[in-house]
Amino acid sequence: MAGVDIRTVQELMGHKGITMTVRYSHLAPKHTLAAVQRLSEAVMETSTDTKTSTEPEVPIQAETGYLH
């Protein structure tokens, strides 16, 4: 919950496998909610930064045949 990744905690605790670390690490409900909110915000930012159309951008030609 202090922002340290689970693999580092495993090594610091001297656990042979990640399963033991996960067994003893319990997140507080507030921490879980905060993580979900951060992930939701990241998804929303990503979705607004992408184009919705899969069509390639093509310059519009005027009646004269010249590109704008």
C-alpha atoms as a PDB file:
ATOM      1  CA  MET A   1       0.000   0.000   0.000  1.00  0.00           C
ATOM      2  CA  ALA A   2       3.046   2.244   0.294  1.00  0.00           C
ATOM      3  CA  GLY A   3       3.649   2.103  -3.463  1.00  0.00           C
ATOM      4  CA  VAL A   4       6.234  -0.692  -3.459  1.00  0.00           C
ATOM      5  CA  ASP A   5       5.657  -3.419  -6.037  1.00  0.00           C
ATOM      6  CA  ILE A   6       4.794  -6.901  -4.774  1.00  0.00           C
ATOM      7  CA  ARG A   7       7.952  -8.484  -6.229  1.00  0.00           C
ATOM      8  CA  THR A   8      10.162  -6.128  -4.212  1.00  0.00           C
ATOM      9  CA  VAL A   9       8.151  -6.865  -1.059  1.00  0.00           C
ATOM     10  CA  GLN A  10       8.678 -10.580  -1.733  1.00  0.00           C
ATOM     11  CA  GLU A  11      12.430 -10.155  -1.810  1.00  0.00           C
ATOM     12  CA  LEU A  12      12.503  -7.904   1.242  1.00  0.00           C
ATOM     13  CA  MET A  13      10.433 -10.397   3.241  1.00  0.00           C
ATOM     14  CA  GLY A  14      12.609 -13.295   2.122  1.00  0.00           C
ATOM     15  CA  HIS A  15       9.715 -15.277   0.656  1.00  0.00           C
ATOM     16  CA  LYS A  16      10.738 -17.955  -1.838  1.00  0.00           C
ATOM     17  CA  GLY A  17       7.632 -17.460  -3.956  1.00  0.00           C
ATOM     18  CA  ILE A  18       5.187 -14.671  -4.723  1.00  0.00           C
ATOM     19  CA  THR A  19       2.312 -16.836  -3.427  1.00  0.00           C
ATOM     20  CA  MET A  20       3.459 -16.449   0.173  1.00  0.00           C
ATOM     21  CA  THR A  21       3.750 -12.668  -0.204  1.00  0.00           C
ATOM     22  CA  VAL A  22       0.273 -12.423  -1.702  1.00  0.00           C
ATOM     23  CA  ARG A  23      -1.127 -14.582   1.100  1.00  0.00           C
ATOM     24  CA  TYR A  24       0.112 -12.127   3.737  1.00  0.00           C
ATOM     25  CA  SER A  25      -0.511  -8.876   1.905  1.00  0.00           C
ATOM     26  CA  HIS A  26      -4.004  -7.541   2.387  1.00  0.00           C
ATOM     27  CA  LEU A  27      -5.122  -4.265   0.890  1.00  0.00           C
ATOM     28  CA  ALA A  28      -7.326  -1.898   2.814  1.00  0.00           C
ATOM     29  CA  PRO A  29     -10.633  -1.147   1.033  1.00  0.00           C
ATOM     30  CA  LYS A  30      -9.627   2.522   0.609  1.00  0.00           C
ATOM     31  CA  HIS A  31      -6.411   1.466  -1.110  1.00  0.00           C
ATOM     32  CA  THR A  32      -8.275  -0.868  -3.471  1.00  0.00           C
ATOM     33  CA  LEU A  33     -10.783   1.858  -4.347  1.00  0.00           C
ATOM     34  CA  ALA A  34      -7.981   4.358  -5.017  1.00  0.00           C
ATOM     35  CA  ALA A  35      -6.274   1.869  -7.352  1.00  0.00           C
ATOM     36  CA  VAL A  36      -9.497   1.313  -9.305  1.00  0.00           C
ATOM     37  CA  GLN A  37     -10.017   5.068  -9.614  1.00  0.00           C
ATOM     38  CA  ARG A  38      -6.456   5.564 -10.925  1.00  0.00           C
ATOM     39  CA  LEU A  39      -6.947   2.803 -13.488  1.00  0.00           C
ATOM     40  CA  SER A  40     -10.301   4.278 -14.567  1.00  0.00           C
ATOM     41  CA  GLU A  41      -8.738   7.701 -15.035  1.00  0.00           C
ATOM     42  CA  ALA A  42      -5.902   6.195 -17.080  1.00  0.00           C
ATOM     43  CA  VAL A  43      -8.377   4.383 -19.321  1.00  0.00           C
ATOM     44  CA  MET A  44     -10.423   7.552 -19.805  1.00  0.00           C
ATOM     45  CA  GLU A  45      -7.299   9.566 -20.703  1.00  0.00           C
ATOM     46  CA  THR A  46      -6.210   6.912 -23.191  1.00  0.00           C
ATOM     47  CA  SER A  47      -9.630   6.678 -24.814  1.00  0.00           C
ATOM     48  CA  THR A  48      -9.859  10.452 -25.332  1.00  0.00           C
ATOM     49  CA  ASP A  49      -6.396  10.592 -26.880  1.00  0.00           C
ATOM     50  CA  THR A  50      -7.188   8.077 -29.619  1.00  0.00           C
ATOM     51  CA  LYS A  51      -9.044   8.561 -32.880  1.00  0.00           C
ATOM     52  CA  THR A  52     -12.410   6.922 -33.233  1.00  0.00           C
ATOM     53  CA  SER A  53     -12.255   6.587 -37.008  1.00  0.00           C
ATOM     54  CA  THR A  54     -10.251   3.876 -38.696  1.00  0.00           C
ATOM     55  CA  GLU A  55     -10.437   5.662 -42.045  1.00  0.00           C
ATOM     56  CA  PRO A  56      -7.140   7.205 -43.253  1.00  0.00           C
ATOM     57  CA  GLU A  57      -6.995  10.963 -43.390  1.00  0.00           C
ATOM     58  CA  VAL A  58      -7.286  12.077 -47.025  1.00  0.00           C
ATOM     59  CA  PRO A  59      -6.939  15.704 -48.121  1.00  0.00           C
ATOM     60  CA  ILE A  60     -10.082  17.183 -49.649  1.00  0.00           C
ATOM     61  CA  GLN A  61      -9.731  18.255 -53.279  1.00  0.00           C
ATOM     62  CA  ALA A  62     -11.357  21.417 -54.489  1.00  0.00           C
ATOM     63  CA  GLU A  63     -13.233  21.500 -57.793  1.00  0.00           C
ATOM     64  CA  THR A  64     -10.067  22.827 -59.421  1.00  0.00           C
ATOM     65  CA  GLY A  65      -8.239  19.592 -58.595  1.00  0.00           C
ATOM     66  CA  TYR A  66      -5.751  21.258 -56.240  1.00  0.00           C
ATOM     67  CA  LEU A  67      -5.256  19.960 -52.716  1.00  0.00           C
ATOM     68  CA  HIS A  68      -6.058  22.217 -49.785  1.00  0.00           C
END
